[in-house]
ModelCIF file with pLDDT and N, C-alpha, C, O atoms, coordinates in Angstrom:
data_MODEL
#
_entry.id   MODEL 
#
_entity.id                         1 
_entity.type                       polymer 
_entity.pdbx_number_of_molecules   1 
#
_entity_poly.entity_id                      1 
_entity_poly.type                           'polypeptide(L)' 
_entity_poly.nstd_linkage                   no 
_entity_poly.nstd_monomer                   no 
_entity_poly.pdbx_seq_one_letter_code       LVAQLPCLHCGIWGHSQAAHANTGKGMGTKACDLQTFPLCAD 
_entity_poly.pdbx_seq_one_letter_code_can   LVAQLPCLHCGIWGHSQAAHANTGKGMGTKACDLQTFPLCAD 
_entity_poly.pdbx_strand_id                 A 
#
loop_
_entity_poly_seq.entity_id 
_entity_poly_seq.num 
_entity_poly_seq.mon_id 
_entity_poly_seq.hetero 
1 1  LEU n 
1 2  VAL n 
1 3  ALA n 
1 4  GLN n 
1 5  LEU n 
1 6  PRO n 
1 7  CYS n 
1 8  LEU n 
1 9  HIS n 
1 10 CYS n 
1 11 GLY n 
1 12 ILE n 
1 13 TRP n 
1 14 GLY n 
1 15 HIS n 
1 16 SER n 
1 17 GLN n 
1 18 ALA n 
1 19 ALA n 
1 20 HIS n 
1 21 ALA n 
1 22 ASN n 
1 23 THR n 
1 24 GLY n 
1 25 LYS n 
1 26 GLY n 
1 27 MET n 
1 28 GLY n 
1 29 THR n 
1 30 LYS n 
1 31 ALA n 
1 32 CYS n 
1 33 ASP n 
1 34 LEU n 
1 35 GLN n 
1 36 THR n 
1 37 PHE n 
1 38 PRO n 
1 39 LEU n 
1 40 CYS n 
1 41 ALA n 
1 42 ASP n 
#
_struct_asym.id          A 
_struct_asym.entity_id   1 
#
loop_
_ma_qa_metric.id 
_ma_qa_metric.mode 
_ma_qa_metric.name 
_ma_qa_metric.software_group_id 
_ma_qa_metric.type 
1 global pLDDT . pLDDT 
2 local  pLDDT . pLDDT 
#
_ma_qa_metric_global.metric_id      1 
_ma_qa_metric_global.metric_value   85.14 
_ma_qa_metric_global.model_id       1 
_ma_qa_metric_global.ordinal_id     1 
#
loop_
_ma_qa_metric_local.label_asym_id 
_ma_qa_metric_local.label_comp_id 
_ma_qa_metric_local.label_seq_id 
_ma_qa_metric_local.metric_id 
_ma_qa_metric_local.metric_value 
_ma_qa_metric_local.model_id 
_ma_qa_metric_local.ordinal_id 
A LEU 1  2 91.00 1 1  
A VAL 2  2 91.00 1 2  
A ALA 3  2 92.00 1 3  
A GLN 4  2 92.00 1 4  
A LEU 5  2 92.00 1 5  
A PRO 6  2 92.00 1 6  
A CYS 7  2 91.00 1 7  
A LEU 8  2 89.00 1 8  
A HIS 9  2 87.00 1 9  
A CYS 10 2 87.00 1 10 
A GLY 11 2 86.00 1 11 
A ILE 12 2 88.00 1 12 
A TRP 13 2 88.00 1 13 
A GLY 14 2 87.00 1 14 
A HIS 15 2 88.00 1 15 
A SER 16 2 90.00 1 16 
A GLN 17 2 91.00 1 17 
A ALA 18 2 91.00 1 18 
A ALA 19 2 90.00 1 19 
A HIS 20 2 88.00 1 20 
A ALA 21 2 87.00 1 21 
A ASN 22 2 80.00 1 22 
A THR 23 2 73.00 1 23 
A GLY 24 2 67.00 1 24 
A LYS 25 2 68.00 1 25 
A GLY 26 2 67.00 1 26 
A MET 27 2 65.00 1 27 
A GLY 28 2 68.00 1 28 
A THR 29 2 71.00 1 29 
A LYS 30 2 71.00 1 30 
A ALA 31 2 80.00 1 31 
A CYS 32 2 84.00 1 32 
A ASP 33 2 86.00 1 33 
A LEU 34 2 88.00 1 34 
A GLN 35 2 89.00 1 35 
A THR 36 2 91.00 1 36 
A PHE 37 2 92.00 1 37 
A PRO 38 2 93.00 1 38 
A LEU 39 2 92.00 1 39 
A CYS 40 2 92.00 1 40 
A ALA 41 2 91.00 1 41 
A ASP 42 2 90.00 1 42 
#
loop_
_atom_site.group_PDB 
_atom_site.id 
_atom_site.type_symbol 
_atom_site.label_atom_id 
_atom_site.label_alt_id 
_atom_site.label_comp_id 
_atom_site.label_asym_id 
_atom_site.label_entity_id 
_atom_site.label_seq_id 
_atom_site.pdbx_PDB_ins_code 
_atom_site.Cartn_x 
_atom_site.Cartn_y 
_atom_site.Cartn_z 
_atom_site.occupancy 
_atom_site.B_iso_or_equiv 
_atom_site.pdbx_formal_charge 
_atom_site.auth_seq_id 
_atom_site.auth_comp_id 
_atom_site.auth_asym_id 
_atom_site.auth_atom_id 
_atom_site.pdbx_PDB_model_num 
ATOM 1   N N  . LEU A 1 1  ? 0.775  -1.242 -0.219  1.00 91.00 ? 1  LEU A N  1 
ATOM 2   C CA . LEU A 1 1  ? -0.225 0.051  0.375   1.00 91.00 ? 1  LEU A CA 1 
ATOM 3   C C  . LEU A 1 1  ? 0.943  1.019  0.009   1.00 91.00 ? 1  LEU A C  1 
ATOM 4   O O  . LEU A 1 1  ? 0.907  1.576  -1.088  1.00 91.00 ? 1  LEU A O  1 
ATOM 5   N N  . VAL A 1 2  ? 1.693  1.187  0.631   1.00 91.00 ? 2  VAL A N  1 
ATOM 6   C CA . VAL A 1 2  ? 2.813  2.422  0.913   1.00 91.00 ? 2  VAL A CA 1 
ATOM 7   C C  . VAL A 1 2  ? 3.711  2.488  -0.473  1.00 91.00 ? 2  VAL A C  1 
ATOM 8   O O  . VAL A 1 2  ? 4.264  3.587  -0.521  1.00 91.00 ? 2  VAL A O  1 
ATOM 9   N N  . ALA A 1 3  ? 4.006  1.734  -1.519  1.00 92.00 ? 3  ALA A N  1 
ATOM 10  C CA . ALA A 1 3  ? 4.814  1.493  -2.207  1.00 92.00 ? 3  ALA A CA 1 
ATOM 11  C C  . ALA A 1 3  ? 3.319  1.905  -3.615  1.00 92.00 ? 3  ALA A C  1 
ATOM 12  O O  . ALA A 1 3  ? 3.451  1.673  -4.817  1.00 92.00 ? 3  ALA A O  1 
ATOM 13  N N  . GLN A 1 4  ? 2.607  2.254  -3.246  1.00 92.00 ? 4  GLN A N  1 
ATOM 14  C CA . GLN A 1 4  ? 1.538  2.473  -4.515  1.00 92.00 ? 4  GLN A CA 1 
ATOM 15  C C  . GLN A 1 4  ? 1.165  4.058  -4.649  1.00 92.00 ? 4  GLN A C  1 
ATOM 16  O O  . GLN A 1 4  ? 0.669  4.657  -5.604  1.00 92.00 ? 4  GLN A O  1 
ATOM 17  N N  . LEU A 1 5  ? 1.613  4.577  -3.243  1.00 92.00 ? 5  LEU A N  1 
ATOM 18  C CA . LEU A 1 5  ? 1.594  5.973  -3.397  1.00 92.00 ? 5  LEU A CA 1 
ATOM 19  C C  . LEU A 1 5  ? 2.786  6.746  -3.535  1.00 92.00 ? 5  LEU A C  1 
ATOM 20  O O  . LEU A 1 5  ? 3.925  6.405  -3.214  1.00 92.00 ? 5  LEU A O  1 
ATOM 21  N N  . PRO A 1 6  ? 2.150  8.570  -4.402  1.00 92.00 ? 6  PRO A N  1 
ATOM 22  C CA . PRO A 1 6  ? 3.432  8.589  -4.816  1.00 92.00 ? 6  PRO A CA 1 
ATOM 23  C C  . PRO A 1 6  ? 4.853  8.972  -3.746  1.00 92.00 ? 6  PRO A C  1 
ATOM 24  O O  . PRO A 1 6  ? 5.075  8.825  -2.544  1.00 92.00 ? 6  PRO A O  1 
ATOM 25  N N  . CYS A 1 7  ? 5.461  9.410  -4.666  1.00 91.00 ? 7  CYS A N  1 
ATOM 26  C CA . CYS A 1 7  ? 6.931  10.092 -3.593  1.00 91.00 ? 7  CYS A CA 1 
ATOM 27  C C  . CYS A 1 7  ? 6.762  11.041 -3.163  1.00 91.00 ? 7  CYS A C  1 
ATOM 28  O O  . CYS A 1 7  ? 6.205  12.000 -3.697  1.00 91.00 ? 7  CYS A O  1 
ATOM 29  N N  . LEU A 1 8  ? 7.405  10.940 -1.644  1.00 89.00 ? 8  LEU A N  1 
ATOM 30  C CA . LEU A 1 8  ? 6.523  12.165 -0.665  1.00 89.00 ? 8  LEU A CA 1 
ATOM 31  C C  . LEU A 1 8  ? 7.563  13.314 -1.351  1.00 89.00 ? 8  LEU A C  1 
ATOM 32  O O  . LEU A 1 8  ? 7.323  14.505 -1.156  1.00 89.00 ? 8  LEU A O  1 
ATOM 33  N N  . HIS A 1 9  ? 8.345  13.037 -1.897  1.00 87.00 ? 9  HIS A N  1 
ATOM 34  C CA . HIS A 1 9  ? 9.969  13.926 -2.160  1.00 87.00 ? 9  HIS A CA 1 
ATOM 35  C C  . HIS A 1 9  ? 9.932  14.968 -3.001  1.00 87.00 ? 9  HIS A C  1 
ATOM 36  O O  . HIS A 1 9  ? 9.997  16.196 -2.954  1.00 87.00 ? 9  HIS A O  1 
ATOM 37  N N  . CYS A 1 10 ? 9.781  13.924 -3.954  1.00 87.00 ? 10 CYS A N  1 
ATOM 38  C CA . CYS A 1 10 ? 9.469  14.902 -5.302  1.00 87.00 ? 10 CYS A CA 1 
ATOM 39  C C  . CYS A 1 10 ? 8.088  14.841 -6.277  1.00 87.00 ? 10 CYS A C  1 
ATOM 40  O O  . CYS A 1 10 ? 7.776  15.645 -7.155  1.00 87.00 ? 10 CYS A O  1 
ATOM 41  N N  . GLY A 1 11 ? 7.238  13.424 -5.768  1.00 86.00 ? 11 GLY A N  1 
ATOM 42  C CA . GLY A 1 11 ? 5.779  13.455 -6.365  1.00 86.00 ? 11 GLY A CA 1 
ATOM 43  C C  . GLY A 1 11 ? 5.439  12.649 -7.301  1.00 86.00 ? 11 GLY A C  1 
ATOM 44  O O  . GLY A 1 11 ? 4.439  12.861 -7.987  1.00 86.00 ? 11 GLY A O  1 
ATOM 45  N N  . ILE A 1 12 ? 6.402  11.364 -7.506  1.00 88.00 ? 12 ILE A N  1 
ATOM 46  C CA . ILE A 1 12 ? 6.376  11.516 -8.916  1.00 88.00 ? 12 ILE A CA 1 
ATOM 47  C C  . ILE A 1 12 ? 5.135  9.875  -8.257  1.00 88.00 ? 12 ILE A C  1 
ATOM 48  O O  . ILE A 1 12 ? 4.875  9.515  -7.109  1.00 88.00 ? 12 ILE A O  1 
ATOM 49  N N  . TRP A 1 13 ? 4.644  9.255  -9.731  1.00 88.00 ? 13 TRP A N  1 
ATOM 50  C CA . TRP A 1 13 ? 3.962  8.284  -9.364  1.00 88.00 ? 13 TRP A CA 1 
ATOM 51  C C  . TRP A 1 13 ? 4.604  7.147  -9.740  1.00 88.00 ? 13 TRP A C  1 
ATOM 52  O O  . TRP A 1 13 ? 5.624  7.398  -10.381 1.00 88.00 ? 13 TRP A O  1 
ATOM 53  N N  . GLY A 1 14 ? 4.347  5.777  -9.551  1.00 87.00 ? 14 GLY A N  1 
ATOM 54  C CA . GLY A 1 14 ? 4.757  4.615  -10.046 1.00 87.00 ? 14 GLY A CA 1 
ATOM 55  C C  . GLY A 1 14 ? 5.533  4.023  -10.238 1.00 87.00 ? 14 GLY A C  1 
ATOM 56  O O  . GLY A 1 14 ? 5.718  3.131  -11.066 1.00 87.00 ? 14 GLY A O  1 
ATOM 57  N N  . HIS A 1 15 ? 6.467  4.703  -9.018  1.00 88.00 ? 15 HIS A N  1 
ATOM 58  C CA . HIS A 1 15 ? 7.797  4.298  -8.878  1.00 88.00 ? 15 HIS A CA 1 
ATOM 59  C C  . HIS A 1 15 ? 8.652  4.229  -7.485  1.00 88.00 ? 15 HIS A C  1 
ATOM 60  O O  . HIS A 1 15 ? 9.849  4.317  -7.215  1.00 88.00 ? 15 HIS A O  1 
ATOM 61  N N  . SER A 1 16 ? 7.749  4.079  -6.918  1.00 90.00 ? 16 SER A N  1 
ATOM 62  C CA . SER A 1 16 ? 7.872  4.733  -5.360  1.00 90.00 ? 16 SER A CA 1 
ATOM 63  C C  . SER A 1 16 ? 8.358  3.269  -4.435  1.00 90.00 ? 16 SER A C  1 
ATOM 64  O O  . SER A 1 16 ? 8.424  2.271  -5.153  1.00 90.00 ? 16 SER A O  1 
ATOM 65  N N  . GLN A 1 17 ? 8.560  3.130  -3.550  1.00 91.00 ? 17 GLN A N  1 
ATOM 66  C CA . GLN A 1 17 ? 9.245  1.941  -2.565  1.00 91.00 ? 17 GLN A CA 1 
ATOM 67  C C  . GLN A 1 17 ? 8.503  2.662  -1.456  1.00 91.00 ? 17 GLN A C  1 
ATOM 68  O O  . GLN A 1 17 ? 8.158  3.838  -1.335  1.00 91.00 ? 17 GLN A O  1 
ATOM 69  N N  . ALA A 1 18 ? 8.286  0.989  -0.244  1.00 91.00 ? 18 ALA A N  1 
ATOM 70  C CA . ALA A 1 18 ? 8.169  1.786  1.274   1.00 91.00 ? 18 ALA A CA 1 
ATOM 71  C C  . ALA A 1 18 ? 9.790  1.715  1.911   1.00 91.00 ? 18 ALA A C  1 
ATOM 72  O O  . ALA A 1 18 ? 10.433 0.708  2.206   1.00 91.00 ? 18 ALA A O  1 
ATOM 73  N N  . ALA A 1 19 ? 10.221 3.271  2.013   1.00 90.00 ? 19 ALA A N  1 
ATOM 74  C CA . ALA A 1 19 ? 11.319 3.337  3.064   1.00 90.00 ? 19 ALA A CA 1 
ATOM 75  C C  . ALA A 1 19 ? 11.327 3.125  4.467   1.00 90.00 ? 19 ALA A C  1 
ATOM 76  O O  . ALA A 1 19 ? 10.556 3.714  5.225   1.00 90.00 ? 19 ALA A O  1 
ATOM 77  N N  . HIS A 1 20 ? 11.954 2.516  4.737   1.00 88.00 ? 20 HIS A N  1 
ATOM 78  C CA . HIS A 1 20 ? 11.301 2.118  6.488   1.00 88.00 ? 20 HIS A CA 1 
ATOM 79  C C  . HIS A 1 20 ? 12.481 3.244  6.940   1.00 88.00 ? 20 HIS A C  1 
ATOM 80  O O  . HIS A 1 20 ? 13.611 3.307  6.456   1.00 88.00 ? 20 HIS A O  1 
ATOM 81  N N  . ALA A 1 21 ? 11.837 4.249  8.156   1.00 87.00 ? 21 ALA A N  1 
ATOM 82  C CA . ALA A 1 21 ? 12.054 5.040  8.815   1.00 87.00 ? 21 ALA A CA 1 
ATOM 83  C C  . ALA A 1 21 ? 13.785 4.959  9.561   1.00 87.00 ? 21 ALA A C  1 
ATOM 84  O O  . ALA A 1 21 ? 13.664 4.012  10.338  1.00 87.00 ? 21 ALA A O  1 
ATOM 85  N N  . ASN A 1 22 ? 14.865 5.333  9.657   1.00 80.00 ? 22 ASN A N  1 
ATOM 86  C CA . ASN A 1 22 ? 15.767 4.904  10.098  1.00 80.00 ? 22 ASN A CA 1 
ATOM 87  C C  . ASN A 1 22 ? 16.352 5.233  11.960  1.00 80.00 ? 22 ASN A C  1 
ATOM 88  O O  . ASN A 1 22 ? 17.281 4.815  12.651  1.00 80.00 ? 22 ASN A O  1 
ATOM 89  N N  . THR A 1 23 ? 15.090 6.282  12.186  1.00 73.00 ? 23 THR A N  1 
ATOM 90  C CA . THR A 1 23 ? 15.011 6.036  13.454  1.00 73.00 ? 23 THR A CA 1 
ATOM 91  C C  . THR A 1 23 ? 14.716 5.096  14.827  1.00 73.00 ? 23 THR A C  1 
ATOM 92  O O  . THR A 1 23 ? 13.622 5.266  15.365  1.00 73.00 ? 23 THR A O  1 
ATOM 93  N N  . GLY A 1 24 ? 15.481 4.286  15.311  1.00 67.00 ? 24 GLY A N  1 
ATOM 94  C CA . GLY A 1 24 ? 15.371 3.365  16.266  1.00 67.00 ? 24 GLY A CA 1 
ATOM 95  C C  . GLY A 1 24 ? 15.568 1.805  15.453  1.00 67.00 ? 24 GLY A C  1 
ATOM 96  O O  . GLY A 1 24 ? 15.255 0.825  16.129  1.00 67.00 ? 24 GLY A O  1 
ATOM 97  N N  . LYS A 1 25 ? 15.917 1.635  14.473  1.00 68.00 ? 25 LYS A N  1 
ATOM 98  C CA . LYS A 1 25 ? 16.588 0.729  14.260  1.00 68.00 ? 25 LYS A CA 1 
ATOM 99  C C  . LYS A 1 25 ? 18.419 0.547  14.622  1.00 68.00 ? 25 LYS A C  1 
ATOM 100 O O  . LYS A 1 25 ? 19.198 1.384  15.077  1.00 68.00 ? 25 LYS A O  1 
ATOM 101 N N  . GLY A 1 26 ? 18.567 -0.348 14.363  1.00 67.00 ? 26 GLY A N  1 
ATOM 102 C CA . GLY A 1 26 ? 20.421 -0.464 14.450  1.00 67.00 ? 26 GLY A CA 1 
ATOM 103 C C  . GLY A 1 26 ? 20.912 -1.292 14.555  1.00 67.00 ? 26 GLY A C  1 
ATOM 104 O O  . GLY A 1 26 ? 20.047 -2.158 14.684  1.00 67.00 ? 26 GLY A O  1 
ATOM 105 N N  . MET A 1 27 ? 22.079 -1.836 14.613  1.00 65.00 ? 27 MET A N  1 
ATOM 106 C CA . MET A 1 27 ? 22.674 -3.204 15.010  1.00 65.00 ? 27 MET A CA 1 
ATOM 107 C C  . MET A 1 27 ? 21.768 -4.052 14.781  1.00 65.00 ? 27 MET A C  1 
ATOM 108 O O  . MET A 1 27 ? 20.766 -3.337 14.811  1.00 65.00 ? 27 MET A O  1 
ATOM 109 N N  . GLY A 1 28 ? 21.337 -5.327 14.522  1.00 68.00 ? 28 GLY A N  1 
ATOM 110 C CA . GLY A 1 28 ? 20.678 -6.193 14.875  1.00 68.00 ? 28 GLY A CA 1 
ATOM 111 C C  . GLY A 1 28 ? 18.954 -5.788 15.362  1.00 68.00 ? 28 GLY A C  1 
ATOM 112 O O  . GLY A 1 28 ? 18.257 -6.524 16.060  1.00 68.00 ? 28 GLY A O  1 
ATOM 113 N N  . THR A 1 29 ? 18.558 -4.559 14.841  1.00 71.00 ? 29 THR A N  1 
ATOM 114 C CA . THR A 1 29 ? 17.605 -4.204 15.527  1.00 71.00 ? 29 THR A CA 1 
ATOM 115 C C  . THR A 1 29 ? 16.374 -4.005 14.028  1.00 71.00 ? 29 THR A C  1 
ATOM 116 O O  . THR A 1 29 ? 16.314 -2.776 14.036  1.00 71.00 ? 29 THR A O  1 
ATOM 117 N N  . LYS A 1 30 ? 15.883 -4.235 13.409  1.00 71.00 ? 30 LYS A N  1 
ATOM 118 C CA . LYS A 1 30 ? 14.891 -4.236 13.148  1.00 71.00 ? 30 LYS A CA 1 
ATOM 119 C C  . LYS A 1 30 ? 13.972 -3.451 12.731  1.00 71.00 ? 30 LYS A C  1 
ATOM 120 O O  . LYS A 1 30 ? 13.098 -3.493 13.597  1.00 71.00 ? 30 LYS A O  1 
ATOM 121 N N  . ALA A 1 31 ? 13.676 -2.800 11.958  1.00 80.00 ? 31 ALA A N  1 
ATOM 122 C CA . ALA A 1 31 ? 12.811 -1.704 11.732  1.00 80.00 ? 31 ALA A CA 1 
ATOM 123 C C  . ALA A 1 31 ? 11.327 -1.742 11.473  1.00 80.00 ? 31 ALA A C  1 
ATOM 124 O O  . ALA A 1 31 ? 11.202 -2.277 10.371  1.00 80.00 ? 31 ALA A O  1 
ATOM 125 N N  . CYS A 1 32 ? 9.981  -1.390 12.023  1.00 84.00 ? 32 CYS A N  1 
ATOM 126 C CA . CYS A 1 32 ? 9.020  -2.145 12.020  1.00 84.00 ? 32 CYS A CA 1 
ATOM 127 C C  . CYS A 1 32 ? 8.377  -1.549 10.670  1.00 84.00 ? 32 CYS A C  1 
ATOM 128 O O  . CYS A 1 32 ? 8.445  -0.416 10.193  1.00 84.00 ? 32 CYS A O  1 
ATOM 129 N N  . ASP A 1 33 ? 7.837  -2.518 10.301  1.00 86.00 ? 33 ASP A N  1 
ATOM 130 C CA . ASP A 1 33 ? 6.989  -2.074 9.033   1.00 86.00 ? 33 ASP A CA 1 
ATOM 131 C C  . ASP A 1 33 ? 6.140  -1.170 8.593   1.00 86.00 ? 33 ASP A C  1 
ATOM 132 O O  . ASP A 1 33 ? 5.804  -0.775 7.477   1.00 86.00 ? 33 ASP A O  1 
ATOM 133 N N  . LEU A 1 34 ? 5.741  -0.813 10.107  1.00 88.00 ? 34 LEU A N  1 
ATOM 134 C CA . LEU A 1 34 ? 4.224  0.261  9.714   1.00 88.00 ? 34 LEU A CA 1 
ATOM 135 C C  . LEU A 1 34 ? 5.232  1.666  9.992   1.00 88.00 ? 34 LEU A C  1 
ATOM 136 O O  . LEU A 1 34 ? 4.540  2.676  9.864   1.00 88.00 ? 34 LEU A O  1 
ATOM 137 N N  . GLN A 1 35 ? 6.579  1.971  10.312  1.00 89.00 ? 35 GLN A N  1 
ATOM 138 C CA . GLN A 1 35 ? 7.738  2.904  10.335  1.00 89.00 ? 35 GLN A CA 1 
ATOM 139 C C  . GLN A 1 35 ? 8.024  3.000  8.747   1.00 89.00 ? 35 GLN A C  1 
ATOM 140 O O  . GLN A 1 35 ? 9.198  3.018  8.378   1.00 89.00 ? 35 GLN A O  1 
ATOM 141 N N  . THR A 1 36 ? 6.955  3.062  7.777   1.00 91.00 ? 36 THR A N  1 
ATOM 142 C CA . THR A 1 36 ? 7.175  3.265  6.422   1.00 91.00 ? 36 THR A CA 1 
ATOM 143 C C  . THR A 1 36 ? 6.726  4.248  5.779   1.00 91.00 ? 36 THR A C  1 
ATOM 144 O O  . THR A 1 36 ? 5.558  4.565  6.004   1.00 91.00 ? 36 THR A O  1 
ATOM 145 N N  . PHE A 1 37 ? 7.333  4.850  5.011   1.00 92.00 ? 37 PHE A N  1 
ATOM 146 C CA . PHE A 1 37 ? 7.228  5.859  4.201   1.00 92.00 ? 37 PHE A CA 1 
ATOM 147 C C  . PHE A 1 37 ? 7.472  6.258  2.646   1.00 92.00 ? 37 PHE A C  1 
ATOM 148 O O  . PHE A 1 37 ? 8.625  6.021  2.286   1.00 92.00 ? 37 PHE A O  1 
ATOM 149 N N  . PRO A 1 38 ? 6.445  6.934  1.432   1.00 93.00 ? 38 PRO A N  1 
ATOM 150 C CA . PRO A 1 38 ? 6.755  6.251  0.190   1.00 93.00 ? 38 PRO A CA 1 
ATOM 151 C C  . PRO A 1 38 ? 8.014  6.864  -0.214  1.00 93.00 ? 38 PRO A C  1 
ATOM 152 O O  . PRO A 1 38 ? 8.376  7.881  0.379   1.00 93.00 ? 38 PRO A O  1 
ATOM 153 N N  . LEU A 1 39 ? 8.543  6.499  -0.909  1.00 92.00 ? 39 LEU A N  1 
ATOM 154 C CA . LEU A 1 39 ? 9.961  7.489  -1.814  1.00 92.00 ? 39 LEU A CA 1 
ATOM 155 C C  . LEU A 1 39 ? 10.308 6.807  -2.834  1.00 92.00 ? 39 LEU A C  1 
ATOM 156 O O  . LEU A 1 39 ? 10.399 5.587  -2.702  1.00 92.00 ? 39 LEU A O  1 
ATOM 157 N N  . CYS A 1 40 ? 10.592 7.429  -4.115  1.00 92.00 ? 40 CYS A N  1 
ATOM 158 C CA . CYS A 1 40 ? 10.789 6.633  -5.149  1.00 92.00 ? 40 CYS A CA 1 
ATOM 159 C C  . CYS A 1 40 ? 12.133 5.966  -5.488  1.00 92.00 ? 40 CYS A C  1 
ATOM 160 O O  . CYS A 1 40 ? 13.071 6.722  -5.236  1.00 92.00 ? 40 CYS A O  1 
ATOM 161 N N  . ALA A 1 41 ? 12.507 4.755  -5.991  1.00 91.00 ? 41 ALA A N  1 
ATOM 162 C CA . ALA A 1 41 ? 13.444 4.014  -6.290  1.00 91.00 ? 41 ALA A CA 1 
ATOM 163 C C  . ALA A 1 41 ? 14.365 5.235  -7.801  1.00 91.00 ? 41 ALA A C  1 
ATOM 164 O O  . ALA A 1 41 ? 14.017 6.228  -8.440  1.00 91.00 ? 41 ALA A O  1 
ATOM 165 N N  . ASP A 1 42 ? 15.682 4.298  -7.730  1.00 90.00 ? 42 ASP A N  1 
ATOM 166 C CA . ASP A 1 42 ? 16.433 4.158  -8.974  1.00 90.00 ? 42 ASP A CA 1 
ATOM 167 C C  . ASP A 1 42 ? 15.379 4.130  -10.102 1.00 90.00 ? 42 ASP A C  1 
ATOM 168 O O  . ASP A 1 42 ? 15.733 4.018  -11.276 1.00 90.00 ? 42 ASP A O  1 
#
């Protein structure tokens, strides 16, 4: 669902990925899937 939304930075449709927030994750700690937002892929 997150990947279907437009990129939050540039607004392009159709190229989004679910980008996990880097806050709260670290070595051996995975970020929660609910902590994601759409950003476009390369």
